[in-house]
Structure formats: C-alpha cells, structure tokens
Amino acid sequence: MKEEIAKEVLEKCNGRYLHITDDSDSHKGHRGVSRHENTHFNVTIVSDTFLNKTKVKRHQYIYDICKPFFERGLHALSLQTLTHSEWKSNG
C-alpha cells in the first residue's frame, strides 16, 4: 500500500519530495490495525500545490487523495505538508 500511496500523492500534488514511513508496528494491538496489512503511515510531502492553503486544507487535500486507501484498510496518516520554500527554510 505504501508504494501506491506514494504514487498517487506525488502525481496529484506534483510533489518535489515525498517520504513515507510505515508506523504500523507502533500501533499493534490497537483497534483498526490489520494483522495482514500496513495501516499507519507518516508522510512528508513537499509541493507548491500547498501555496496559500492552510494546514487544514492541505491535509484535507491529501486525505481526499487517499480516500480509496482508507476504504481498503488504511487507518491513519500523520502528515507534514510543506511548500518548497517552507521545506528550504526548515533545512
């Protein structure tokens, strides 16, 4: 699922940088965690698609892109959404 999420998010956001880590092991035994698939991911995406958008709007945009994955068992995304200039200023 990780690769599929990466592909969709990069394509839809025209991203300059994307980093996804699987955090499912940290949630073993929690409700909504599948024993057969990875369900929790940390995502950092850098895209100028986020220019002039609030953090909430940026996250809503990513959640909309990932809706099909939530329907297939994705349980949680932890998001960091940055513009290119924000990324550069963060080092």
C-alpha atoms as a PDB file:
ATOM      1  CA  MET A   1       0.000   0.000   0.000  1.00  0.00           C
ATOM      2  CA  LYS A   2       2.919   2.334   0.759  1.00  0.00           C
ATOM      3  CA  GLU A   3       4.053   2.448  -2.866  1.00  0.00           C
ATOM      4  CA  GLU A   4       0.504   3.025  -4.107  1.00  0.00           C
ATOM      5  CA  ILE A   5       0.007   5.932  -1.708  1.00  0.00           C
ATOM      6  CA  ALA A   6       3.346   7.422  -2.760  1.00  0.00           C
ATOM      7  CA  LYS A   7       2.447   7.215  -6.446  1.00  0.00           C
ATOM      8  CA  GLU A   8      -0.979   8.825  -6.026  1.00  0.00           C
ATOM      9  CA  VAL A   9       0.187  11.617  -3.729  1.00  0.00           C
ATOM     10  CA  LEU A  10       3.193  12.505  -5.906  1.00  0.00           C
ATOM     11  CA  GLU A  11       1.116  12.543  -9.089  1.00  0.00           C
ATOM     12  CA  LYS A  12      -1.796  14.546  -7.689  1.00  0.00           C
ATOM     13  CA  CYS A  13       0.391  17.040  -5.818  1.00  0.00           C
ATOM     14  CA  ASN A  14       3.150  17.351  -8.404  1.00  0.00           C
ATOM     15  CA  GLY A  15       5.441  16.822  -5.427  1.00  0.00           C
ATOM     16  CA  ARG A  16       9.111  17.741  -5.266  1.00  0.00           C
ATOM     17  CA  TYR A  17       9.806  15.439  -2.335  1.00  0.00           C
ATOM     18  CA  LEU A  18       7.932  12.633  -0.635  1.00  0.00           C
ATOM     19  CA  HIS A  19       8.939  10.484   2.301  1.00  0.00           C
ATOM     20  CA  ILE A  20       6.671   7.799   3.743  1.00  0.00           C
ATOM     21  CA  THR A  21       7.452   5.627   6.716  1.00  0.00           C
ATOM     22  CA  ASP A  22       5.351   2.739   7.913  1.00  0.00           C
ATOM     23  CA  ASP A  23       4.413   3.239  11.557  1.00  0.00           C
ATOM     24  CA  SER A  24       2.066   0.256  11.818  1.00  0.00           C
ATOM     25  CA  ASP A  25       4.295  -1.652  14.251  1.00  0.00           C
ATOM     26  CA  SER A  26       3.848   1.155  16.798  1.00  0.00           C
ATOM     27  CA  HIS A  27       0.100   0.508  16.725  1.00  0.00           C
ATOM     28  CA  LYS A  28      -0.014  -3.280  17.100  1.00  0.00           C
ATOM     29  CA  GLY A  29      -2.999  -4.313  19.137  1.00  0.00           C
ATOM     30  CA  HIS A  30      -4.826  -1.036  18.577  1.00  0.00           C
ATOM     31  CA  ARG A  31      -8.290  -1.007  17.143  1.00  0.00           C
ATOM     32  CA  GLY A  32      -8.241  -0.597  13.356  1.00  0.00           C
ATOM     33  CA  VAL A  33      -4.853  -2.236  12.884  1.00  0.00           C
ATOM     34  CA  SER A  34      -4.935  -5.111  10.450  1.00  0.00           C
ATOM     35  CA  ARG A  35      -2.714  -8.086  11.121  1.00  0.00           C
ATOM     36  CA  HIS A  36      -2.264  -8.605   7.393  1.00  0.00           C
ATOM     37  CA  GLU A  37      -1.528  -5.143   6.049  1.00  0.00           C
ATOM     38  CA  ASN A  38       0.211  -1.948   6.985  1.00  0.00           C
ATOM     39  CA  THR A  39      -2.290   0.619   8.184  1.00  0.00           C
ATOM     40  CA  HIS A  40      -0.420   3.592   9.693  1.00  0.00           C
ATOM     41  CA  PHE A  41       1.980   5.850   7.804  1.00  0.00           C
ATOM     42  CA  ASN A  42       3.931   9.051   8.412  1.00  0.00           C
ATOM     43  CA  VAL A  43       4.003  11.179   5.268  1.00  0.00           C
ATOM     44  CA  THR A  44       6.094  14.227   4.423  1.00  0.00           C
ATOM     45  CA  ILE A  45       5.208  15.855   1.102  1.00  0.00           C
ATOM     46  CA  VAL A  46       6.741  18.980  -0.412  1.00  0.00           C
ATOM     47  CA  SER A  47       4.669  20.627  -3.121  1.00  0.00           C
ATOM     48  CA  ASP A  48       3.813  24.119  -4.249  1.00  0.00           C
ATOM     49  CA  THR A  49       0.244  22.837  -4.578  1.00  0.00           C
ATOM     50  CA  PHE A  50       0.034  23.883  -0.929  1.00  0.00           C
ATOM     51  CA  LEU A  51       0.791  27.560  -1.588  1.00  0.00           C
ATOM     52  CA  ASN A  52      -1.747  29.837   0.131  1.00  0.00           C
ATOM     53  CA  LYS A  53      -3.528  26.867   1.746  1.00  0.00           C
ATOM     54  CA  THR A  54      -3.974  26.420   5.482  1.00  0.00           C
ATOM     55  CA  LYS A  55      -2.639  23.324   7.188  1.00  0.00           C
ATOM     56  CA  VAL A  56      -6.197  22.003   7.450  1.00  0.00           C
ATOM     57  CA  LYS A  57      -6.834  22.477   3.711  1.00  0.00           C
ATOM     58  CA  ARG A  58      -3.527  20.805   2.860  1.00  0.00           C
ATOM     59  CA  HIS A  59      -4.369  17.799   4.993  1.00  0.00           C
ATOM     60  CA  GLN A  60      -7.907  17.595   3.600  1.00  0.00           C
ATOM     61  CA  TYR A  61      -6.434  17.540   0.095  1.00  0.00           C
ATOM     62  CA  ILE A  62      -4.169  14.588   0.964  1.00  0.00           C
ATOM     63  CA  TYR A  63      -6.972  12.736   2.756  1.00  0.00           C
ATOM     64  CA  ASP A  64      -9.162  13.152  -0.348  1.00  0.00           C
ATOM     65  CA  ILE A  65      -6.389  11.660  -2.495  1.00  0.00           C
ATOM     66  CA  CYS A  66      -6.052   8.753  -0.066  1.00  0.00           C
ATOM     67  CA  LYS A  67      -9.772   8.049   0.320  1.00  0.00           C
ATOM     68  CA  PRO A  68      -9.586   4.806  -1.724  1.00  0.00           C
ATOM     69  CA  PHE A  69      -6.819   3.552   0.571  1.00  0.00           C
ATOM     70  CA  PHE A  70      -8.887   4.259   3.687  1.00  0.00           C
ATOM     71  CA  GLU A  71     -11.677   2.229   2.086  1.00  0.00           C
ATOM     72  CA  ARG A  72      -9.191  -0.648   1.703  1.00  0.00           C
ATOM     73  CA  GLY A  73      -7.998  -0.622   5.314  1.00  0.00           C
ATOM     74  CA  LEU A  74      -5.674   2.343   5.764  1.00  0.00           C
ATOM     75  CA  HIS A  75      -6.316   3.569   9.279  1.00  0.00           C
ATOM     76  CA  ALA A  76      -4.145   6.643   9.866  1.00  0.00           C
ATOM     77  CA  LEU A  77      -1.837   9.133   8.188  1.00  0.00           C
ATOM     78  CA  SER A  78       0.402  11.508  10.071  1.00  0.00           C
ATOM     79  CA  LEU A  79       1.050  14.378   7.649  1.00  0.00           C
ATOM     80  CA  GLN A  80       3.662  17.042   7.198  1.00  0.00           C
ATOM     81  CA  THR A  81       2.693  19.161   4.173  1.00  0.00           C
ATOM     82  CA  LEU A  82       5.136  21.842   3.073  1.00  0.00           C
ATOM     83  CA  THR A  83       5.674  24.204   0.182  1.00  0.00           C
ATOM     84  CA  HIS A  84       9.106  24.213  -1.424  1.00  0.00           C
ATOM     85  CA  SER A  85      10.092  27.477   0.313  1.00  0.00           C
ATOM     86  CA  GLU A  86       8.913  26.121   3.693  1.00  0.00           C
ATOM     87  CA  TRP A  87      10.981  22.980   3.088  1.00  0.00           C
ATOM     88  CA  LYS A  88      14.072  25.013   2.213  1.00  0.00           C
ATOM     89  CA  SER A  89      13.713  27.256   5.263  1.00  0.00           C
ATOM     90  CA  ASN A  90      13.361  24.187   7.532  1.00  0.00           C
ATOM     91  CA  GLY A  91      16.692  22.882   6.279  1.00  0.00           C
END
